[in-house]
PDB file of N, CA and C in Angstrom:
ATOM      1  N   MET A   1      -8.371  29.461 -14.361  1.00  0.00           N
ATOM      2  CA  MET A   1      -9.411  30.358 -14.760  1.00  0.00           C
ATOM      3  C   MET A   1      -8.785  31.714 -15.052  1.00  0.00           C
ATOM      4  N   LEU A   2      -9.219  32.348 -16.116  1.00  0.00           N
ATOM      5  CA  LEU A   2      -8.705  33.651 -16.521  1.00  0.00           C
ATOM      6  C   LEU A   2      -9.822  34.668 -16.415  1.00  0.00           C
ATOM      7  N   LEU A   3      -9.563  35.742 -15.712  1.00  0.00           N
ATOM      8  CA  LEU A   3     -10.534  36.813 -15.569  1.00  0.00           C
ATOM      9  C   LEU A   3     -10.175  37.906 -16.555  1.00  0.00           C
ATOM     10  N   VAL A   4     -11.130  38.269 -17.389  1.00  0.00           N
ATOM     11  CA  VAL A   4     -10.921  39.340 -18.358  1.00  0.00           C
ATOM     12  C   VAL A   4     -11.791  40.510 -17.949  1.00  0.00           C
ATOM     13  N   SER A   5     -11.176  41.646 -17.789  1.00  0.00           N
ATOM     14  CA  SER A   5     -11.893  42.863 -17.418  1.00  0.00           C
ATOM     15  C   SER A   5     -12.035  43.738 -18.651  1.00  0.00           C
ATOM     16  N   LEU A   6     -13.243  44.167 -18.925  1.00  0.00           N
ATOM     17  CA  LEU A   6     -13.502  45.020 -20.078  1.00  0.00           C
ATOM     18  C   LEU A   6     -13.882  46.410 -19.623  1.00  0.00           C
ATOM     19  N   ASP A   7     -13.266  47.401 -20.196  1.00  0.00           N
ATOM     20  CA  ASP A   7     -13.619  48.790 -19.914  1.00  0.00           C
ATOM     21  C   ASP A   7     -14.655  49.214 -20.944  1.00  0.00           C
ATOM     22  N   LEU A   8     -15.883  49.376 -20.508  1.00  0.00           N
ATOM     23  CA  LEU A   8     -16.970  49.719 -21.422  1.00  0.00           C
ATOM     24  C   LEU A   8     -17.328  51.199 -21.376  1.00  0.00           C
ATOM     25  N   SER A   9     -16.440  52.026 -20.833  1.00  0.00           N
ATOM     26  CA  SER A   9     -16.763  53.444 -20.680  1.00  0.00           C
ATOM     27  C   SER A   9     -16.960  54.141 -22.024  1.00  0.00           C
ATOM     28  N   ALA A  10     -16.270  53.718 -23.043  1.00  0.00           N
ATOM     29  CA  ALA A  10     -16.428  54.318 -24.366  1.00  0.00           C
ATOM     30  C   ALA A  10     -16.925  53.287 -25.373  1.00  0.00           C
ATOM     31  N   ALA A  11     -17.591  52.269 -24.892  1.00  0.00           N
ATOM     32  CA  ALA A  11     -17.996  51.153 -25.741  1.00  0.00           C
ATOM     33  C   ALA A  11     -18.926  51.574 -26.875  1.00  0.00           C
ATOM     34  N   PHE A  12     -19.854  52.461 -26.587  1.00  0.00           N
ATOM     35  CA  PHE A  12     -20.790  52.883 -27.628  1.00  0.00           C
ATOM     36  C   PHE A  12     -20.061  53.596 -28.766  1.00  0.00           C
ATOM     37  N   ASP A  13     -18.889  54.160 -28.461  1.00  0.00           N
ATOM     38  CA  ASP A  13     -18.115  54.868 -29.475  1.00  0.00           C
ATOM     39  C   ASP A  13     -17.326  53.917 -30.375  1.00  0.00           C
ATOM     40  N   MET A  14     -17.282  52.645 -30.047  1.00  0.00           N
ATOM     41  CA  MET A  14     -16.464  51.689 -30.780  1.00  0.00           C
ATOM     42  C   MET A  14     -17.261  50.778 -31.717  1.00  0.00           C
ATOM     43  N   VAL A  15     -18.559  50.923 -31.781  1.00  0.00           N
ATOM     44  CA  VAL A  15     -19.389  50.059 -32.625  1.00  0.00           C
ATOM     45  C   VAL A  15     -19.107  50.380 -34.090  1.00  0.00           C
ATOM     46  N   ASN A  16     -18.608  49.407 -34.830  1.00  0.00           N
ATOM     47  CA  ASN A  16     -18.312  49.574 -36.244  1.00  0.00           C
ATOM     48  C   ASN A  16     -19.601  49.439 -37.048  1.00  0.00           C
ATOM     49  N   HIS A  17     -19.949  50.469 -37.810  1.00  0.00           N
ATOM     50  CA  HIS A  17     -21.217  50.467 -38.554  1.00  0.00           C
ATOM     51  C   HIS A  17     -21.307  49.319 -39.551  1.00  0.00           C
ATOM     52  N   ALA A  18     -20.239  49.090 -40.310  1.00  0.00           N
ATOM     53  CA  ALA A  18     -20.262  48.039 -41.332  1.00  0.00           C
ATOM     54  C   ALA A  18     -20.484  46.664 -40.701  1.00  0.00           C
ATOM     55  N   THR A  19     -19.789  46.384 -39.612  1.00  0.00           N
ATOM     56  CA  THR A  19     -19.948  45.093 -38.933  1.00  0.00           C
ATOM     57  C   THR A  19     -21.354  44.942 -38.382  1.00  0.00           C
ATOM     58  N   LEU A  20     -21.855  45.969 -37.745  1.00  0.00           N
ATOM     59  CA  LEU A  20     -23.208  45.928 -37.192  1.00  0.00           C
ATOM     60  C   LEU A  20     -24.232  45.684 -38.292  1.00  0.00           C
ATOM     61  N   LEU A  21     -24.116  46.392 -39.404  1.00  0.00           N
ATOM     62  CA  LEU A  21     -25.083  46.239 -40.496  1.00  0.00           C
ATOM     63  C   LEU A  21     -25.008  44.859 -41.146  1.00  0.00           C
ATOM     64  N   LYS A  22     -23.835  44.215 -41.107  1.00  0.00           N
ATOM     65  CA  LYS A  22     -23.711  42.840 -41.619  1.00  0.00           C
ATOM     66  C   LYS A  22     -24.353  41.839 -40.670  1.00  0.00           C
ATOM     67  N   ARG A  23     -24.272  42.094 -39.371  1.00  0.00           N
ATOM     68  CA  ARG A  23     -24.832  41.165 -38.384  1.00  0.00           C
ATOM     69  C   ARG A  23     -26.359  41.182 -38.362  1.00  0.00           C
ATOM     70  N   LEU A  24     -26.946  42.313 -38.656  1.00  0.00           N
ATOM     71  CA  LEU A  24     -28.407  42.422 -38.555  1.00  0.00           C
ATOM     72  C   LEU A  24     -29.143  41.416 -39.438  1.00  0.00           C
ATOM     73  N   PRO A  25     -28.849  41.321 -40.746  1.00  0.00           N
ATOM     74  CA  PRO A  25     -29.577  40.337 -41.554  1.00  0.00           C
ATOM     75  C   PRO A  25     -29.131  38.900 -41.307  1.00  0.00           C
ATOM     76  N   CYS A  26     -27.835  38.689 -41.087  1.00  0.00           N
ATOM     77  CA  CYS A  26     -27.317  37.327 -40.931  1.00  0.00           C
ATOM     78  C   CYS A  26     -27.767  36.682 -39.623  1.00  0.00           C
ATOM     79  N   SER A  27     -27.703  37.414 -38.549  1.00  0.00           N
ATOM     80  CA  SER A  27     -27.981  36.838 -37.242  1.00  0.00           C
ATOM     81  C   SER A  27     -29.390  37.092 -36.732  1.00  0.00           C
ATOM     82  N   PHE A  28     -30.011  38.147 -37.222  1.00  0.00           N
ATOM     83  CA  PHE A  28     -31.313  38.526 -36.661  1.00  0.00           C
ATOM     84  C   PHE A  28     -32.414  38.626 -37.699  1.00  0.00           C
ATOM     85  N   GLY A  29     -32.095  38.429 -38.965  1.00  0.00           N
ATOM     86  CA  GLY A  29     -33.105  38.475 -40.014  1.00  0.00           C
ATOM     87  C   GLY A  29     -33.640  39.867 -40.298  1.00  0.00           C
ATOM     88  N   VAL A  30     -32.904  40.896 -39.896  1.00  0.00           N
ATOM     89  CA  VAL A  30     -33.348  42.275 -40.121  1.00  0.00           C
ATOM     90  C   VAL A  30     -32.954  42.663 -41.544  1.00  0.00           C
ATOM     91  N   THR A  31     -33.950  42.823 -42.403  1.00  0.00           N
ATOM     92  CA  THR A  31     -33.710  43.156 -43.805  1.00  0.00           C
ATOM     93  C   THR A  31     -34.719  44.215 -44.247  1.00  0.00           C
ATOM     94  N   GLY A  32     -34.643  44.549 -45.502  1.00  0.00           N
ATOM     95  CA  GLY A  32     -35.639  45.432 -46.107  1.00  0.00           C
ATOM     96  C   GLY A  32     -35.670  46.826 -45.502  1.00  0.00           C
ATOM     97  N   VAL A  33     -36.885  47.298 -45.278  1.00  0.00           N
ATOM     98  CA  VAL A  33     -37.102  48.665 -44.809  1.00  0.00           C
ATOM     99  C   VAL A  33     -36.457  48.910 -43.443  1.00  0.00           C
ATOM    100  N   VAL A  34     -36.554  47.948 -42.547  1.00  0.00           N
ATOM    101  CA  VAL A  34     -35.991  48.130 -41.204  1.00  0.00           C
ATOM    102  C   VAL A  34     -34.467  48.243 -41.283  1.00  0.00           C
ATOM    103  N   HIS A  35     -33.835  47.387 -42.088  1.00  0.00           N
ATOM    104  CA  HIS A  35     -32.388  47.448 -42.258  1.00  0.00           C
ATOM    105  C   HIS A  35     -31.993  48.787 -42.875  1.00  0.00           C
ATOM    106  N   ALA A  36     -32.740  49.232 -43.876  1.00  0.00           N
ATOM    107  CA  ALA A  36     -32.453  50.523 -44.514  1.00  0.00           C
ATOM    108  C   ALA A  36     -32.626  51.669 -43.523  1.00  0.00           C
ATOM    109  N   TRP A  37     -33.596  51.568 -42.653  1.00  0.00           N
ATOM    110  CA  TRP A  37     -33.829  52.609 -41.654  1.00  0.00           C
ATOM    111  C   TRP A  37     -32.654  52.694 -40.676  1.00  0.00           C
ATOM    112  N   ILE A  38     -32.178  51.545 -40.207  1.00  0.00           N
ATOM    113  CA  ILE A  38     -31.039  51.534 -39.278  1.00  0.00           C
ATOM    114  C   ILE A  38     -29.782  52.045 -39.981  1.00  0.00           C
ATOM    115  N   LYS A  39     -29.598  51.627 -41.234  1.00  0.00           N
ATOM    116  CA  LYS A  39     -28.450  52.114 -42.010  1.00  0.00           C
ATOM    117  C   LYS A  39     -28.512  53.637 -42.142  1.00  0.00           C
ATOM    118  N   SER A  40     -29.678  54.165 -42.433  1.00  0.00           N
ATOM    119  CA  SER A  40     -29.860  55.611 -42.546  1.00  0.00           C
ATOM    120  C   SER A  40     -29.589  56.318 -41.215  1.00  0.00           C
ATOM    121  N   TYR A  41     -29.967  55.666 -40.130  1.00  0.00           N
ATOM    122  CA  TYR A  41     -29.751  56.212 -38.781  1.00  0.00           C
ATOM    123  C   TYR A  41     -28.259  56.352 -38.473  1.00  0.00           C
ATOM    124  N   LEU A  42     -27.453  55.416 -38.975  1.00  0.00           N
ATOM    125  CA  LEU A  42     -26.017  55.406 -38.682  1.00  0.00           C
ATOM    126  C   LEU A  42     -25.188  56.213 -39.673  1.00  0.00           C
ATOM    127  N   HIS A  43     -25.570  56.202 -40.939  1.00  0.00           N
ATOM    128  CA  HIS A  43     -24.766  56.833 -41.983  1.00  0.00           C
ATOM    129  C   HIS A  43     -25.033  58.332 -42.085  1.00  0.00           C
ATOM    130  N   GLY A  44     -24.026  59.023 -42.601  1.00  0.00           N
ATOM    131  CA  GLY A  44     -24.173  60.447 -42.846  1.00  0.00           C
ATOM    132  C   GLY A  44     -23.960  61.313 -41.622  1.00  0.00           C
ATOM    133  N   ARG A  45     -23.467  60.737 -40.549  1.00  0.00           N
ATOM    134  CA  ARG A  45     -23.205  61.526 -39.342  1.00  0.00           C
ATOM    135  C   ARG A  45     -21.822  62.150 -39.454  1.00  0.00           C
ATOM    136  N   ILE A  46     -21.722  63.382 -38.993  1.00  0.00           N
ATOM    137  CA  ILE A  46     -20.461  64.100 -39.040  1.00  0.00           C
ATOM    138  C   ILE A  46     -20.139  64.650 -37.656  1.00  0.00           C
ATOM    139  N   GLN A  47     -18.873  64.998 -37.470  1.00  0.00           N
ATOM    140  CA  GLN A  47     -18.463  65.566 -36.185  1.00  0.00           C
ATOM    141  C   GLN A  47     -17.289  66.520 -36.393  1.00  0.00           C
ATOM    142  N   SER A  48     -17.152  67.413 -35.458  1.00  0.00           N
ATOM    143  CA  SER A  48     -15.999  68.297 -35.410  1.00  0.00           C
ATOM    144  C   SER A  48     -15.748  68.623 -33.941  1.00  0.00           C
ATOM    145  N   VAL A  49     -14.605  69.208 -33.671  1.00  0.00           N
ATOM    146  CA  VAL A  49     -14.231  69.525 -32.295  1.00  0.00           C
ATOM    147  C   VAL A  49     -13.954  71.028 -32.194  1.00  0.00           C
ATOM    148  N   ARG A  50     -14.491  71.636 -31.159  1.00  0.00           N
ATOM    149  CA  ARG A  50     -14.215  73.048 -30.907  1.00  0.00           C
ATOM    150  C   ARG A  50     -13.437  73.165 -29.600  1.00  0.00           C
ATOM    151  N   ILE A  51     -12.297  73.830 -29.684  1.00  0.00           N
ATOM    152  CA  ILE A  51     -11.496  74.141 -28.496  1.00  0.00           C
ATOM    153  C   ILE A  51     -11.281  75.649 -28.515  1.00  0.00           C
ATOM    154  N   GLY A  52     -11.936  76.321 -27.601  1.00  0.00           N
ATOM    155  CA  GLY A  52     -11.888  77.780 -27.593  1.00  0.00           C
ATOM    156  C   GLY A  52     -12.506  78.332 -28.861  1.00  0.00           C
ATOM    157  N   THR A  53     -11.713  79.047 -29.638  1.00  0.00           N
ATOM    158  CA  THR A  53     -12.217  79.610 -30.895  1.00  0.00           C
ATOM    159  C   THR A  53     -11.831  78.756 -32.098  1.00  0.00           C
ATOM    160  N   TYR A  54     -11.043  77.715 -31.862  1.00  0.00           N
ATOM    161  CA  TYR A  54     -10.603  76.845 -32.957  1.00  0.00           C
ATOM    162  C   TYR A  54     -11.639  75.768 -33.224  1.00  0.00           C
ATOM    163  N   LEU A  55     -12.003  75.579 -34.491  1.00  0.00           N
ATOM    164  CA  LEU A  55     -12.935  74.534 -34.904  1.00  0.00           C
ATOM    165  C   LEU A  55     -12.226  73.619 -35.896  1.00  0.00           C
ATOM    166  N   SER A  56     -12.183  72.333 -35.571  1.00  0.00           N
ATOM    167  CA  SER A  56     -11.511  71.371 -36.449  1.00  0.00           C
ATOM    168  C   SER A  56     -12.306  71.173 -37.731  1.00  0.00           C
ATOM    169  N   ALA A  57     -11.680  70.491 -38.660  1.00  0.00           N
ATOM    170  CA  ALA A  57     -12.369  70.115 -39.890  1.00  0.00           C
ATOM    171  C   ALA A  57     -13.468  69.103 -39.560  1.00  0.00           C
ATOM    172  N   VAL A  58     -14.500  69.123 -40.354  1.00  0.00           N
ATOM    173  CA  VAL A  58     -15.605  68.172 -40.184  1.00  0.00           C
ATOM    174  C   VAL A  58     -15.182  66.832 -40.755  1.00  0.00           C
ATOM    175  N   THR A  59     -15.482  65.764 -40.038  1.00  0.00           N
ATOM    176  CA  THR A  59     -15.163  64.415 -40.505  1.00  0.00           C
ATOM    177  C   THR A  59     -16.380  63.515 -40.330  1.00  0.00           C
ATOM    178  N   SER A  60     -16.487  62.504 -41.156  1.00  0.00           N
ATOM    179  CA  SER A  60     -17.625  61.587 -41.043  1.00  0.00           C
ATOM    180  C   SER A  60     -17.368  60.548 -39.958  1.00  0.00           C
ATOM    181  N   CYS A  61     -18.429  60.082 -39.363  1.00  0.00           N
ATOM    182  CA  CYS A  61     -18.353  59.072 -38.291  1.00  0.00           C
ATOM    183  C   CYS A  61     -18.708  57.711 -38.879  1.00  0.00           C
ATOM    184  N   THR A  62     -17.772  56.776 -38.828  1.00  0.00           N
ATOM    185  CA  THR A  62     -18.043  55.415 -39.317  1.00  0.00           C
ATOM    186  C   THR A  62     -18.105  54.413 -38.177  1.00  0.00           C
ATOM    187  N   VAL A  63     -17.871  54.875 -36.970  1.00  0.00           N
ATOM    188  CA  VAL A  63     -17.996  54.034 -35.782  1.00  0.00           C
ATOM    189  C   VAL A  63     -18.795  54.777 -34.723  1.00  0.00           C
ATOM    190  N   GLY A  64     -19.372  54.013 -33.827  1.00  0.00           N
ATOM    191  CA  GLY A  64     -20.125  54.599 -32.728  1.00  0.00           C
ATOM    192  C   GLY A  64     -21.609  54.686 -33.033  1.00  0.00           C
ATOM    193  N   VAL A  65     -22.396  54.546 -31.998  1.00  0.00           N
ATOM    194  CA  VAL A  65     -23.836  54.742 -32.132  1.00  0.00           C
ATOM    195  C   VAL A  65     -24.196  56.029 -31.401  1.00  0.00           C
ATOM    196  N   PRO A  66     -25.132  56.789 -31.956  1.00  0.00           N
ATOM    197  CA  PRO A  66     -25.522  58.038 -31.306  1.00  0.00           C
ATOM    198  C   PRO A  66     -26.012  57.775 -29.884  1.00  0.00           C
ATOM    199  N   GLN A  67     -25.482  58.506 -28.943  1.00  0.00           N
ATOM    200  CA  GLN A  67     -25.860  58.295 -27.551  1.00  0.00           C
ATOM    201  C   GLN A  67     -27.065  59.153 -27.200  1.00  0.00           C
ATOM    202  N   GLY A  68     -27.845  58.654 -26.268  1.00  0.00           N
ATOM    203  CA  GLY A  68     -29.004  59.389 -25.812  1.00  0.00           C
ATOM    204  C   GLY A  68     -30.302  58.965 -26.469  1.00  0.00           C
ATOM    205  N   SER A  69     -30.249  57.949 -27.324  1.00  0.00           N
ATOM    206  CA  SER A  69     -31.485  57.459 -27.936  1.00  0.00           C
ATOM    207  C   SER A  69     -31.795  56.072 -27.396  1.00  0.00           C
ATOM    208  N   VAL A  70     -33.020  55.672 -27.550  1.00  0.00           N
ATOM    209  CA  VAL A  70     -33.450  54.347 -27.096  1.00  0.00           C
ATOM    210  C   VAL A  70     -32.838  53.254 -27.975  1.00  0.00           C
ATOM    211  N   LEU A  71     -32.577  53.564 -29.213  1.00  0.00           N
ATOM    212  CA  LEU A  71     -32.058  52.582 -30.159  1.00  0.00           C
ATOM    213  C   LEU A  71     -30.591  52.230 -29.906  1.00  0.00           C
ATOM    214  N   SER A  72     -29.807  53.155 -29.373  1.00  0.00           N
ATOM    215  CA  SER A  72     -28.370  52.931 -29.197  1.00  0.00           C
ATOM    216  C   SER A  72     -28.029  51.727 -28.330  1.00  0.00           C
ATOM    217  N   PRO A  73     -28.637  51.556 -27.141  1.00  0.00           N
ATOM    218  CA  PRO A  73     -28.312  50.353 -26.349  1.00  0.00           C
ATOM    219  C   PRO A  73     -28.687  49.053 -27.062  1.00  0.00           C
ATOM    220  N   LEU A  74     -29.762  49.082 -27.828  1.00  0.00           N
ATOM    221  CA  LEU A  74     -30.168  47.891 -28.579  1.00  0.00           C
ATOM    222  C   LEU A  74     -29.125  47.560 -29.647  1.00  0.00           C
ATOM    223  N   LEU A  75     -28.690  48.557 -30.390  1.00  0.00           N
ATOM    224  CA  LEU A  75     -27.675  48.322 -31.422  1.00  0.00           C
ATOM    225  C   LEU A  75     -26.354  47.866 -30.808  1.00  0.00           C
ATOM    226  N   PHE A  76     -25.989  48.427 -29.670  1.00  0.00           N
ATOM    227  CA  PHE A  76     -24.775  47.998 -28.982  1.00  0.00           C
ATOM    228  C   PHE A  76     -24.904  46.539 -28.547  1.00  0.00           C
ATOM    229  N   SER A  77     -26.057  46.158 -28.042  1.00  0.00           N
ATOM    230  CA  SER A  77     -26.285  44.771 -27.619  1.00  0.00           C
ATOM    231  C   SER A  77     -26.189  43.816 -28.795  1.00  0.00           C
ATOM    232  N   VAL A  78     -26.747  44.200 -29.934  1.00  0.00           N
ATOM    233  CA  VAL A  78     -26.653  43.372 -31.142  1.00  0.00           C
ATOM    234  C   VAL A  78     -25.191  43.225 -31.549  1.00  0.00           C
ATOM    235  N   TYR A  79     -24.455  44.313 -31.490  1.00  0.00           N
ATOM    236  CA  TYR A  79     -23.048  44.316 -31.894  1.00  0.00           C
ATOM    237  C   TYR A  79     -22.199  43.412 -31.002  1.00  0.00           C
ATOM    238  N   THR A  80     -22.485  43.387 -29.713  1.00  0.00           N
ATOM    239  CA  THR A  80     -21.654  42.635 -28.762  1.00  0.00           C
ATOM    240  C   THR A  80     -22.229  41.277 -28.378  1.00  0.00           C
ATOM    241  N   LEU A  81     -23.318  40.885 -28.976  1.00  0.00           N
ATOM    242  CA  LEU A  81     -23.996  39.650 -28.589  1.00  0.00           C
ATOM    243  C   LEU A  81     -23.080  38.432 -28.614  1.00  0.00           C
ATOM    244  N   TYR A  82     -22.214  38.338 -29.597  1.00  0.00           N
ATOM    245  CA  TYR A  82     -21.425  37.124 -29.762  1.00  0.00           C
ATOM    246  C   TYR A  82     -20.061  37.185 -29.088  1.00  0.00           C
ATOM    247  N   ILE A  83     -19.832  38.174 -28.268  1.00  0.00           N
ATOM    248  CA  ILE A  83     -18.532  38.280 -27.606  1.00  0.00           C
ATOM    249  C   ILE A  83     -18.265  37.071 -26.703  1.00  0.00           C
ATOM    250  N   SER A  84     -19.314  36.502 -26.145  1.00  0.00           N
ATOM    251  CA  SER A  84     -19.127  35.339 -25.274  1.00  0.00           C
ATOM    252  C   SER A  84     -18.845  34.057 -26.053  1.00  0.00           C
ATOM    253  N   SER A  85     -19.047  34.080 -27.368  1.00  0.00           N
ATOM    254  CA  SER A  85     -18.812  32.871 -28.157  1.00  0.00           C
ATOM    255  C   SER A  85     -17.396  32.819 -28.732  1.00  0.00           C
ATOM    256  N   ILE A  86     -16.545  33.750 -28.319  1.00  0.00           N
ATOM    257  CA  ILE A  86     -15.150  33.703 -28.750  1.00  0.00           C
ATOM    258  C   ILE A  86     -14.487  32.569 -27.973  1.00  0.00           C
ATOM    259  N   ASN A  87     -14.226  31.476 -28.663  1.00  0.00           N
ATOM    260  CA  ASN A  87     -13.755  30.262 -27.997  1.00  0.00           C
ATOM    261  C   ASN A  87     -12.249  30.196 -27.835  1.00  0.00           C
ATOM    262  N   TYR A  88     -11.529  30.735 -28.793  1.00  0.00           N
ATOM    263  CA  TYR A  88     -10.088  30.535 -28.734  1.00  0.00           C
ATOM    264  C   TYR A  88      -9.359  31.805 -29.142  1.00  0.00           C
ATOM    265  N   CYS A  89      -8.477  32.215 -28.317  1.00  0.00           N
ATOM    266  CA  CYS A  89      -7.596  33.338 -28.596  1.00  0.00           C
ATOM    267  C   CYS A  89      -6.213  32.902 -28.143  1.00  0.00           C
ATOM    268  N   PRO A  90      -5.280  32.727 -29.065  1.00  0.00           N
ATOM    269  CA  PRO A  90      -3.955  32.220 -28.694  1.00  0.00           C
ATOM    270  C   PRO A  90      -3.269  33.042 -27.610  1.00  0.00           C
ATOM    271  N   VAL A  91      -3.371  34.346 -27.676  1.00  0.00           N
ATOM    272  CA  VAL A  91      -2.704  35.192 -26.690  1.00  0.00           C
ATOM    273  C   VAL A  91      -3.285  34.951 -25.306  1.00  0.00           C
ATOM    274  N   LEU A  92      -4.609  34.930 -25.205  1.00  0.00           N
ATOM    275  CA  LEU A  92      -5.241  34.696 -23.913  1.00  0.00           C
ATOM    276  C   LEU A  92      -4.981  33.285 -23.406  1.00  0.00           C
ATOM    277  N   SER A  93      -4.899  32.322 -24.317  1.00  0.00           N
ATOM    278  CA  SER A  93      -4.609  30.956 -23.899  1.00  0.00           C
ATOM    279  C   SER A  93      -3.221  30.854 -23.291  1.00  0.00           C
ATOM    280  N   ARG A  94      -2.241  31.492 -23.904  1.00  0.00           N
ATOM    281  CA  ARG A  94      -0.866  31.476 -23.368  1.00  0.00           C
ATOM    282  C   ARG A  94      -0.800  32.222 -22.044  1.00  0.00           C
ATOM    283  N   LEU A  95      -1.510  33.354 -21.954  1.00  0.00           N
ATOM    284  CA  LEU A  95      -1.542  34.117 -20.713  1.00  0.00           C
ATOM    285  C   LEU A  95      -2.173  33.301 -19.592  1.00  0.00           C
ATOM    286  N   SER A  96      -3.268  32.645 -19.893  1.00  0.00           N
ATOM    287  CA  SER A  96      -3.950  31.815 -18.905  1.00  0.00           C
ATOM    288  C   SER A  96      -3.039  30.681 -18.437  1.00  0.00           C
ATOM    289  N   ALA A  97      -2.335  30.052 -19.377  1.00  0.00           N
ATOM    290  CA  ALA A  97      -1.421  28.957 -19.032  1.00  0.00           C
ATOM    291  C   ALA A  97      -0.263  29.476 -18.175  1.00  0.00           C
ATOM    292  N   ALA A  98       0.237  30.657 -18.482  1.00  0.00           N
ATOM    293  CA  ALA A  98       1.340  31.226 -17.715  1.00  0.00           C
ATOM    294  C   ALA A  98       0.907  31.558 -16.291  1.00  0.00           C
ATOM    295  N   ILE A  99      -0.305  32.053 -16.153  1.00  0.00           N
ATOM    296  CA  ILE A  99      -0.815  32.401 -14.823  1.00  0.00           C
ATOM    297  C   ILE A  99      -0.986  31.146 -13.982  1.00  0.00           C
ATOM    298  N   ARG A 100      -1.488  30.073 -14.602  1.00  0.00           N
ATOM    299  CA  ARG A 100      -1.700  28.822 -13.866  1.00  0.00           C
ATOM    300  C   ARG A 100      -0.395  28.148 -13.490  1.00  0.00           C
ATOM    301  N   GLY A 101       0.660  28.508 -14.216  1.00  0.00           N
ATOM    302  CA  GLY A 101       1.972  27.942 -13.873  1.00  0.00           C
ATOM    303  C   GLY A 101       2.217  26.737 -14.626  1.00  0.00           C
TER     304      GLY A 101
END
């Protein structure tokens, strides 16, 4: 048996918008106005960093869901729903075999 530990402390920051938007219609039937609304919710977000008096250049965000909204945990759940269906990973299989001896 292989135990895999996942660090989810920054998980909401890792949600890929393109992948999430592809999963919505294919796996959940979310299309039309609702799909466009979610796409609008994710796209066009920008960020910058301020350290003291220095302000970085503004960059667009193509990953991550906005935190602090009711929709973010739902979108994260949709994004990670199929993680348990990953059946084969050669690296993990070799690691598991090595651990078992």
